């Protein structure tokens, strides 16, 4: 099946754009991709910023975002949790959320490696 995208093969004398680039493991690419997609929505970034300062129950997070419904906030929390950016634990009937420092560190490492690679290319 043709997609309509023309792919040019590398011929003699054409440099390989990936030569010297650090190979990113599939699992890292998958996890960072999910995180970046989750962060593509402005409200999710705002929720993540809120939860980076404190662990809060879902109801309190919902109260801080009056412009959207509680079910919508709950859905945003679920997307962030599924992307690995939030950790949820239960305290009785409440669900408490906080940021996952390990996920944020993974994103920082990924971006720092990418930045270092791009600096080598610019020289």
N, C-alpha and C. Protein backbone atom coordinates (compact mmCIF):
# COMPACT_ATOMS: atom_id res chain seq x y z
N UNK A 1 0.85 -1.17 0.00
CA UNK A 1 0.00 0.00 0.00
C UNK A 1 0.90 1.24 0.00
N UNK A 2 0.61 2.18 -0.87
CA UNK A 2 1.41 3.39 -0.98
C UNK A 2 0.83 4.47 -0.10
N UNK A 3 1.70 5.20 0.54
CA UNK A 3 1.25 6.25 1.44
C UNK A 3 1.30 7.63 0.80
N UNK A 4 1.94 7.73 -0.36
CA UNK A 4 2.06 9.03 -0.99
C UNK A 4 3.29 9.80 -0.53
N UNK A 5 4.09 9.18 0.32
CA UNK A 5 5.31 9.82 0.80
C UNK A 5 6.48 9.20 0.04
N UNK A 6 7.22 10.02 -0.64
CA UNK A 6 8.36 9.53 -1.39
C UNK A 6 9.56 9.42 -0.47
N UNK A 7 10.18 8.27 -0.48
CA UNK A 7 11.37 8.04 0.34
C UNK A 7 12.57 8.02 -0.58
N UNK A 8 13.55 8.85 -0.29
CA UNK A 8 14.77 8.85 -1.09
C UNK A 8 15.80 7.99 -0.39
N UNK A 9 16.41 7.13 -1.14
CA UNK A 9 17.46 6.30 -0.56
C UNK A 9 18.75 7.07 -0.58
N UNK A 10 19.61 6.69 0.32
CA UNK A 10 20.91 7.33 0.41
C UNK A 10 21.79 6.77 -0.69
N UNK A 11 22.33 7.63 -1.49
CA UNK A 11 23.23 7.20 -2.56
C UNK A 11 24.66 7.55 -2.23
N UNK A 12 25.56 7.27 -3.13
CA UNK A 12 26.97 7.59 -2.90
C UNK A 12 27.15 9.10 -2.67
N UNK A 13 27.93 9.42 -1.70
CA UNK A 13 28.23 10.82 -1.41
C UNK A 13 27.20 11.54 -0.57
N UNK A 14 26.07 10.89 -0.27
CA UNK A 14 25.05 11.51 0.59
C UNK A 14 25.29 11.07 2.01
N UNK A 15 25.45 12.02 2.92
CA UNK A 15 25.74 11.65 4.30
C UNK A 15 24.54 11.00 4.99
N UNK A 16 24.83 10.13 5.92
CA UNK A 16 23.78 9.51 6.74
C UNK A 16 23.45 10.47 7.86
N UNK A 17 22.22 11.00 7.93
CA UNK A 17 21.88 11.98 8.97
C UNK A 17 21.90 11.39 10.37
N UNK A 18 21.85 10.07 10.49
CA UNK A 18 21.84 9.44 11.81
C UNK A 18 23.21 8.97 12.25
N UNK A 19 24.19 9.13 11.40
CA UNK A 19 25.54 8.67 11.75
C UNK A 19 26.06 9.42 12.97
N UNK A 20 26.52 8.70 13.94
CA UNK A 20 27.04 9.30 15.15
C UNK A 20 25.98 9.61 16.19
N UNK A 21 24.71 9.46 15.82
CA UNK A 21 23.63 9.73 16.77
C UNK A 21 23.53 8.59 17.76
N UNK A 22 23.21 8.94 18.97
CA UNK A 22 23.04 7.93 20.01
C UNK A 22 21.75 7.17 19.74
N UNK A 23 21.84 5.84 19.73
CA UNK A 23 20.64 5.02 19.49
C UNK A 23 19.77 5.04 20.73
N UNK A 24 18.51 5.43 20.55
CA UNK A 24 17.56 5.50 21.66
C UNK A 24 16.84 4.16 21.75
N UNK A 25 16.90 3.51 22.90
CA UNK A 25 16.19 2.23 23.05
C UNK A 25 14.69 2.40 22.81
N UNK A 26 14.09 1.35 22.25
CA UNK A 26 12.66 1.39 21.93
C UNK A 26 11.80 1.74 23.14
N UNK A 27 12.09 1.13 24.29
CA UNK A 27 11.29 1.38 25.50
C UNK A 27 11.36 2.86 25.91
N UNK A 28 12.55 3.44 25.84
CA UNK A 28 12.70 4.86 26.18
C UNK A 28 11.93 5.73 25.19
N UNK A 29 12.02 5.42 23.92
CA UNK A 29 11.30 6.19 22.91
C UNK A 29 9.79 6.09 23.14
N UNK A 30 9.32 4.90 23.48
CA UNK A 30 7.90 4.68 23.74
C UNK A 30 7.43 5.48 24.96
N UNK A 31 8.18 5.39 26.06
CA UNK A 31 7.79 6.08 27.30
C UNK A 31 7.83 7.59 27.15
N UNK A 32 8.87 8.11 26.52
CA UNK A 32 8.96 9.56 26.34
C UNK A 32 7.89 10.04 25.37
N UNK A 33 7.58 9.24 24.37
CA UNK A 33 6.52 9.61 23.42
C UNK A 33 5.17 9.75 24.11
N UNK A 34 4.85 8.80 24.98
CA UNK A 34 3.59 8.86 25.71
C UNK A 34 3.56 10.09 26.62
N UNK A 35 4.67 10.37 27.26
CA UNK A 35 4.74 11.53 28.16
C UNK A 35 4.58 12.84 27.38
N UNK A 36 5.26 12.96 26.24
CA UNK A 36 5.15 14.19 25.46
C UNK A 36 3.75 14.37 24.90
N UNK A 37 3.10 13.28 24.49
CA UNK A 37 1.71 13.40 24.01
C UNK A 37 0.80 13.88 25.14
N UNK A 38 1.01 13.34 26.33
CA UNK A 38 0.19 13.76 27.48
C UNK A 38 0.42 15.23 27.80
N UNK A 39 1.65 15.69 27.66
CA UNK A 39 1.98 17.07 27.98
C UNK A 39 1.59 18.05 26.87
N UNK A 40 1.10 17.53 25.76
CA UNK A 40 0.69 18.39 24.66
C UNK A 40 -0.56 19.20 24.96
N UNK A 41 -1.29 18.82 25.98
CA UNK A 41 -2.53 19.52 26.35
C UNK A 41 -2.22 20.50 27.48
N UNK A 42 -2.51 21.79 27.31
CA UNK A 42 -2.16 22.80 28.31
C UNK A 42 -2.70 22.52 29.72
N UNK A 43 -3.92 22.01 29.83
CA UNK A 43 -4.46 21.75 31.17
C UNK A 43 -3.69 20.64 31.87
N UNK A 44 -3.24 19.67 31.11
CA UNK A 44 -2.46 18.59 31.72
C UNK A 44 -1.14 19.12 32.25
N UNK A 45 -0.53 20.04 31.51
CA UNK A 45 0.71 20.65 32.01
C UNK A 45 0.43 21.42 33.29
N UNK A 46 -0.70 22.13 33.33
CA UNK A 46 -1.06 22.89 34.53
C UNK A 46 -1.32 21.95 35.72
N UNK A 47 -1.97 20.83 35.45
CA UNK A 47 -2.21 19.85 36.52
C UNK A 47 -0.88 19.30 37.02
N UNK A 48 0.02 18.98 36.11
CA UNK A 48 1.33 18.45 36.50
C UNK A 48 2.09 19.49 37.34
N UNK A 49 2.03 20.75 36.94
CA UNK A 49 2.69 21.81 37.71
C UNK A 49 2.09 21.92 39.11
N UNK A 50 0.78 21.83 39.20
CA UNK A 50 0.11 21.89 40.50
C UNK A 50 0.57 20.73 41.39
N UNK A 51 0.61 19.53 40.82
CA UNK A 51 0.95 18.35 41.61
C UNK A 51 2.45 18.21 41.87
N UNK A 52 3.26 19.01 41.19
CA UNK A 52 4.70 18.95 41.47
C UNK A 52 5.01 19.60 42.81
N UNK A 53 4.11 20.47 43.29
CA UNK A 53 4.33 21.15 44.56
C UNK A 53 3.74 20.39 45.74
N UNK A 54 2.73 19.55 45.48
CA UNK A 54 2.04 18.91 46.59
C UNK A 54 1.27 17.69 46.10
N UNK A 55 1.08 16.72 46.98
CA UNK A 55 0.22 15.59 46.69
C UNK A 55 -1.21 16.00 47.04
N UNK A 56 -2.12 15.80 46.09
CA UNK A 56 -3.50 16.25 46.29
C UNK A 56 -4.49 15.17 45.88
N UNK A 57 -5.65 15.17 46.53
CA UNK A 57 -6.72 14.27 46.09
C UNK A 57 -7.34 14.79 44.80
N UNK A 58 -7.96 13.87 44.05
CA UNK A 58 -8.56 14.24 42.77
C UNK A 58 -9.58 15.36 42.93
N UNK A 59 -10.37 15.33 43.99
CA UNK A 59 -11.38 16.36 44.21
C UNK A 59 -10.78 17.74 44.36
N UNK A 60 -9.66 17.83 45.03
CA UNK A 60 -8.99 19.13 45.21
C UNK A 60 -8.41 19.62 43.88
N UNK A 61 -7.86 18.73 43.11
CA UNK A 61 -7.34 19.12 41.79
C UNK A 61 -8.50 19.65 40.95
N UNK A 62 -9.62 18.96 41.00
CA UNK A 62 -10.81 19.38 40.24
C UNK A 62 -11.30 20.76 40.70
N UNK A 63 -11.28 21.02 41.98
CA UNK A 63 -11.72 22.34 42.50
C UNK A 63 -10.83 23.47 42.03
N UNK A 64 -9.57 23.19 41.76
CA UNK A 64 -8.64 24.23 41.32
C UNK A 64 -8.82 24.59 39.84
N UNK A 65 -9.51 23.72 39.11
CA UNK A 65 -9.74 23.96 37.68
C UNK A 65 -11.23 24.12 37.42
N UNK A 66 -11.72 25.30 37.74
CA UNK A 66 -13.16 25.56 37.68
C UNK A 66 -13.68 25.66 36.24
N UNK A 67 -12.80 25.89 35.28
CA UNK A 67 -13.26 26.06 33.90
C UNK A 67 -13.58 24.73 33.21
N UNK A 68 -13.27 23.61 33.86
CA UNK A 68 -13.58 22.30 33.28
C UNK A 68 -14.33 21.46 34.31
N UNK A 69 -15.06 20.48 33.85
CA UNK A 69 -15.84 19.63 34.75
C UNK A 69 -14.95 18.66 35.51
N UNK A 70 -15.46 18.16 36.60
CA UNK A 70 -14.73 17.18 37.41
C UNK A 70 -14.41 15.91 36.60
N UNK A 71 -15.36 15.39 35.79
CA UNK A 71 -15.01 14.23 34.98
C UNK A 71 -13.88 14.51 33.97
N UNK A 72 -13.84 15.73 33.44
CA UNK A 72 -12.77 16.09 32.50
C UNK A 72 -11.42 16.11 33.21
N UNK A 73 -11.38 16.68 34.43
CA UNK A 73 -10.14 16.69 35.21
C UNK A 73 -9.72 15.26 35.53
N UNK A 74 -10.68 14.43 35.88
CA UNK A 74 -10.39 13.03 36.18
C UNK A 74 -9.79 12.33 34.96
N UNK A 75 -10.32 12.64 33.81
CA UNK A 75 -9.79 12.06 32.57
C UNK A 75 -8.35 12.54 32.32
N UNK A 76 -8.08 13.82 32.55
CA UNK A 76 -6.73 14.35 32.41
C UNK A 76 -5.78 13.65 33.38
N UNK A 77 -6.23 13.45 34.62
CA UNK A 77 -5.40 12.75 35.60
C UNK A 77 -5.09 11.34 35.12
N UNK A 78 -6.08 10.68 34.53
CA UNK A 78 -5.87 9.33 34.01
C UNK A 78 -4.86 9.28 32.88
N UNK A 79 -4.92 10.26 31.99
CA UNK A 79 -3.96 10.32 30.88
C UNK A 79 -2.54 10.53 31.42
N UNK A 80 -2.40 11.45 32.37
CA UNK A 80 -1.08 11.70 32.97
C UNK A 80 -0.56 10.47 33.71
N UNK A 81 -1.46 9.79 34.40
CA UNK A 81 -1.08 8.57 35.12
C UNK A 81 -0.67 7.47 34.14
N UNK A 82 -1.46 7.27 33.08
CA UNK A 82 -1.13 6.25 32.08
C UNK A 82 0.18 6.54 31.37
N UNK A 83 0.52 7.82 31.25
CA UNK A 83 1.80 8.21 30.63
C UNK A 83 2.97 8.05 31.60
N UNK A 84 2.66 7.71 32.85
CA UNK A 84 3.71 7.50 33.84
C UNK A 84 4.16 8.77 34.54
N UNK A 85 3.48 9.88 34.30
CA UNK A 85 3.89 11.16 34.88
C UNK A 85 3.34 11.39 36.28
N UNK A 86 2.28 10.65 36.64
CA UNK A 86 1.69 10.77 37.97
C UNK A 86 1.67 9.42 38.67
N UNK A 87 1.75 9.48 39.97
CA UNK A 87 1.60 8.30 40.81
C UNK A 87 0.33 8.49 41.61
N UNK A 88 -0.49 7.46 41.62
CA UNK A 88 -1.75 7.51 42.35
C UNK A 88 -1.70 6.49 43.48
N UNK A 89 -2.17 6.89 44.64
CA UNK A 89 -2.39 5.90 45.70
C UNK A 89 -3.67 6.25 46.43
N UNK A 90 -4.24 5.25 47.04
CA UNK A 90 -5.53 5.43 47.72
C UNK A 90 -5.34 5.61 49.21
N UNK A 91 -6.16 6.51 49.74
CA UNK A 91 -6.21 6.74 51.18
C UNK A 91 -7.70 6.66 51.55
N UNK A 92 -8.12 5.46 51.93
CA UNK A 92 -9.55 5.25 52.16
C UNK A 92 -10.28 5.31 50.84
N UNK A 93 -11.22 6.24 50.72
CA UNK A 93 -11.98 6.40 49.47
C UNK A 93 -11.37 7.44 48.54
N UNK A 94 -10.36 8.15 49.02
CA UNK A 94 -9.74 9.20 48.21
C UNK A 94 -8.59 8.64 47.37
N UNK A 95 -8.42 9.24 46.20
CA UNK A 95 -7.27 8.94 45.35
C UNK A 95 -6.35 10.15 45.41
N UNK A 96 -5.14 9.93 45.85
CA UNK A 96 -4.15 11.00 45.95
C UNK A 96 -3.18 10.89 44.78
N UNK A 97 -2.82 12.05 44.23
CA UNK A 97 -1.92 12.09 43.08
C UNK A 97 -0.70 12.94 43.40
N UNK A 98 0.43 12.51 42.85
CA UNK A 98 1.67 13.30 42.93
C UNK A 98 2.48 13.01 41.67
N UNK A 99 3.42 13.88 41.39
CA UNK A 99 4.24 13.66 40.19
C UNK A 99 5.21 12.51 40.42
N UNK A 100 5.55 11.86 39.35
CA UNK A 100 6.54 10.79 39.39
C UNK A 100 7.90 11.41 39.09
N UNK A 101 8.72 11.52 40.11
CA UNK A 101 10.04 12.13 39.90
C UNK A 101 10.89 11.29 38.95
N UNK A 102 10.72 9.97 38.98
CA UNK A 102 11.52 9.13 38.08
C UNK A 102 11.13 9.38 36.62
N UNK A 103 9.84 9.60 36.34
CA UNK A 103 9.41 9.89 34.97
C UNK A 103 9.95 11.25 34.52
N UNK A 104 9.93 12.23 35.41
CA UNK A 104 10.45 13.55 35.06
C UNK A 104 11.96 13.49 34.83
N UNK A 105 12.65 12.70 35.64
CA UNK A 105 14.10 12.52 35.45
C UNK A 105 14.39 11.84 34.12
N UNK A 106 13.56 10.88 33.73
CA UNK A 106 13.72 10.20 32.45
C UNK A 106 13.58 11.20 31.30
N UNK A 107 12.56 12.07 31.39
CA UNK A 107 12.38 13.09 30.35
C UNK A 107 13.57 14.04 30.30
N UNK A 108 14.05 14.43 31.46
CA UNK A 108 15.22 15.34 31.51
C UNK A 108 16.44 14.68 30.88
N UNK A 109 16.67 13.43 31.20
CA UNK A 109 17.80 12.70 30.64
C UNK A 109 17.68 12.60 29.12
N UNK A 110 16.49 12.26 28.66
CA UNK A 110 16.24 12.15 27.23
C UNK A 110 16.53 13.49 26.53
N UNK A 111 15.98 14.58 27.07
CA UNK A 111 16.18 15.89 26.46
C UNK A 111 17.63 16.35 26.55
N UNK A 112 18.29 16.06 27.66
CA UNK A 112 19.70 16.42 27.78
C UNK A 112 20.56 15.67 26.78
N UNK A 113 20.29 14.38 26.58
CA UNK A 113 21.02 13.60 25.58
C UNK A 113 20.76 14.13 24.18
N UNK A 114 19.52 14.47 23.90
CA UNK A 114 19.17 15.02 22.60
C UNK A 114 19.87 16.36 22.37
N UNK A 115 19.89 17.18 23.41
CA UNK A 115 20.56 18.48 23.33
C UNK A 115 22.06 18.31 23.10
N UNK A 116 22.68 17.38 23.81
CA UNK A 116 24.10 17.14 23.65
C UNK A 116 24.41 16.67 22.24
N UNK A 117 23.56 15.80 21.67
CA UNK A 117 23.76 15.32 20.30
C UNK A 117 23.64 16.46 19.31
N UNK A 118 22.66 17.35 19.50
CA UNK A 118 22.47 18.44 18.57
C UNK A 118 23.62 19.45 18.64
N UNK A 119 24.21 19.60 19.81
CA UNK A 119 25.36 20.51 19.94
C UNK A 119 26.55 19.97 19.19
N UNK A 120 26.73 18.64 19.18
CA UNK A 120 27.85 18.05 18.45
C UNK A 120 27.67 18.27 16.94
N UNK A 121 26.45 18.24 16.46
CA UNK A 121 26.19 18.40 15.03
C UNK A 121 26.44 19.84 14.60
N UNK A 122 26.10 20.80 15.44
CA UNK A 122 26.24 22.22 15.09
C UNK A 122 27.68 22.66 14.91
N UNK A 123 28.58 22.02 15.56
CA UNK A 123 29.99 22.49 15.51
C UNK A 123 30.61 22.38 14.18
